[in-house]
Each structure stands twice: as C-alpha cells, then as structure tokens.
Protein backbone atom coordinates (compact mmCIF):
# COMPACT_ATOMS: atom_id res chain seq x y z
CA MET A 1 -0.14 0.28 -0.48
CA ASN A 2 2.49 2.63 1.09
CA SER A 3 4.73 1.51 -2.76
CA ALA A 4 0.91 2.46 -4.90
CA LEU A 5 0.66 5.99 -2.21
CA GLN A 6 4.74 7.00 -3.11
CA SER A 7 4.36 5.83 -7.04
CA ILE A 8 0.67 8.84 -7.41
CA VAL A 9 2.93 10.92 -5.40
CA SER A 10 6.35 10.34 -7.53
CA ILE A 11 3.91 11.66 -10.70
CA PRO A 12 4.27 15.04 -12.44
CA PRO A 13 2.38 17.52 -9.02
CA PRO A 14 -0.72 18.06 -11.78
CA PHE A 15 -1.82 14.77 -12.65
CA ASN A 16 -1.53 13.03 -8.98
CA MET A 17 -3.56 15.39 -8.05
CA VAL A 18 -6.25 14.34 -10.61
CA VAL A 19 -5.08 10.92 -9.54
CA LEU A 20 -5.28 11.57 -5.87
CA VAL A 21 -9.52 13.55 -6.29
CA VAL A 22 -10.48 10.59 -8.50
CA PHE A 23 -9.74 8.52 -6.46
CA LEU A 24 -11.29 9.93 -3.00
CA MET A 25 -14.51 10.18 -5.19
CA VAL A 26 -14.73 6.37 -5.28
CA VAL A 27 -13.19 5.68 -2.57
CA GLY A 28 -16.01 7.87 -1.02
CA GLY A 29 -18.29 6.51 -3.70
CA ILE A 30 -17.73 2.68 -2.52
CA PHE A 31 -18.59 4.36 0.86
CA THR A 32 -21.50 6.10 0.49
CA SER A 33 -23.06 3.01 -1.50
CA LEU A 34 -22.16 1.00 1.66
CA PHE A 35 -23.85 3.06 4.18
CA GLN A 36 -26.47 3.00 2.26
CA GLN A 37 -27.28 -0.79 1.75
CA ILE A 38 -26.50 -1.10 5.31
CA ARG A 39 -29.42 1.16 5.86
CA LYS A 40 -31.74 -0.86 3.88
CA PHE A 41 -30.83 -3.65 5.83
CA ALA A 42 -31.69 -1.63 8.72
CA SER A 43 -33.87 -0.39 7.68
CA HIS A 44 -35.84 -3.70 6.45
CA ARG A 45 -35.45 -5.65 10.36
CA SER A 46 -37.30 -2.79 11.53
CA GLU A 47 -40.21 -4.10 9.73
CA LEU A 48 -39.83 -6.88 9.92
CA ASN A 49 -39.69 -6.53 13.81
CA PHE A 50 -42.81 -4.58 13.94
CA LYS A 51 -44.82 -6.68 11.43
CA ARG A 52 -43.33 -9.68 14.55
CA ASP A 53 -45.11 -7.20 17.31
CA LEU A 54 -48.42 -6.98 15.27
CA LEU A 55 -48.17 -10.46 14.87
CA ASP A 56 -47.22 -11.20 18.72
CA ARG A 57 -50.24 -9.05 19.47
CA GLY A 58 -52.63 -11.29 18.09
CA MET A 59 -53.94 -9.28 15.29
CA THR A 60 -54.49 -10.81 11.78
CA ALA A 61 -53.03 -10.32 8.60
CA GLU A 62 -55.03 -8.00 7.01
CA GLU A 63 -54.73 -5.90 9.88
CA ILE A 64 -51.61 -6.00 9.65
CA GLU A 65 -51.40 -5.31 5.61
CA GLN A 66 -54.22 -1.93 6.75
CA ILE A 67 -51.53 -0.91 9.17
CA VAL A 68 -48.37 -1.26 7.28
CA GLN A 69 -50.44 0.54 4.40
CA ALA A 70 -51.34 3.35 6.56
CA HIS A 71 -47.61 3.51 7.72
CA GLY A 72 -46.16 3.36 4.12
CA SER A 73 -48.45 5.97 3.25
CA ALA A 74 -47.80 8.26 5.93
CA VAL A 75 -43.76 7.95 5.09
CA LYS A 76 -44.08 9.86 1.95
CA SER A 77 -40.40 9.80 1.63
CA PRO A 78 -36.40 10.51 3.23
CA GLY A 79 -36.35 13.87 4.91
CA THR A 80 -40.13 14.82 4.93
CA VAL A 81 -42.00 15.74 8.04
CA ASN A 82 -46.14 14.27 8.01
CA ILE A 83 -48.05 16.39 10.60
CA GLY A 84 -50.74 15.12 9.74
CA CYS A 85 -52.92 17.76 8.95
CA THR A 86 -55.76 17.57 6.18
CA GLY A 87 -55.63 20.94 3.94
CA ARG A 88 -59.08 21.60 4.51
C-alpha cells in the first residue's frame, strides 16, 4: 500500500492531484453505497420486527397489512415530515 501511495505521489504535480481526487471520489462512492445498503438492511429488519410485534399482539394478517399500508403512505419520502394535517 505504501509503495502504491509513493508511486501516485511521484507522478508529476498536476497529474498526481487528479489521480488523488479521482481516488477519493471512488472511495467516497464506495462508502456511500455501503452505508446506503446498511440503512436499507436496518430499515428492513425494523419493519420485520414491527410486523412480528403486531403478530405477537394477536392481530390478523389483514389488520397488519392495513397498518403497514397506512404507515407506508404516511412516510412520503426520506427527509419529509408528515404532520398529519389535512388541507381543509
């Protein structure tokens, strides 16, 4: 790893910065993708635990489906706050 870094740094000055910027962008993209997948997995696990909790409370599959659909329509998109007001 150290020799690879030394070879990048030994490239003539304008080009070594381009290589480093591209490298940093690729690493940033990898980390972004990794954290998105972790978030999706955590969200999926949370939804499964929620459904199991509803089953443990004795609800039927139809009731759980209605609750999950209502919860899905309440969450419009990530970052959007739903206050629950209806425009009168």
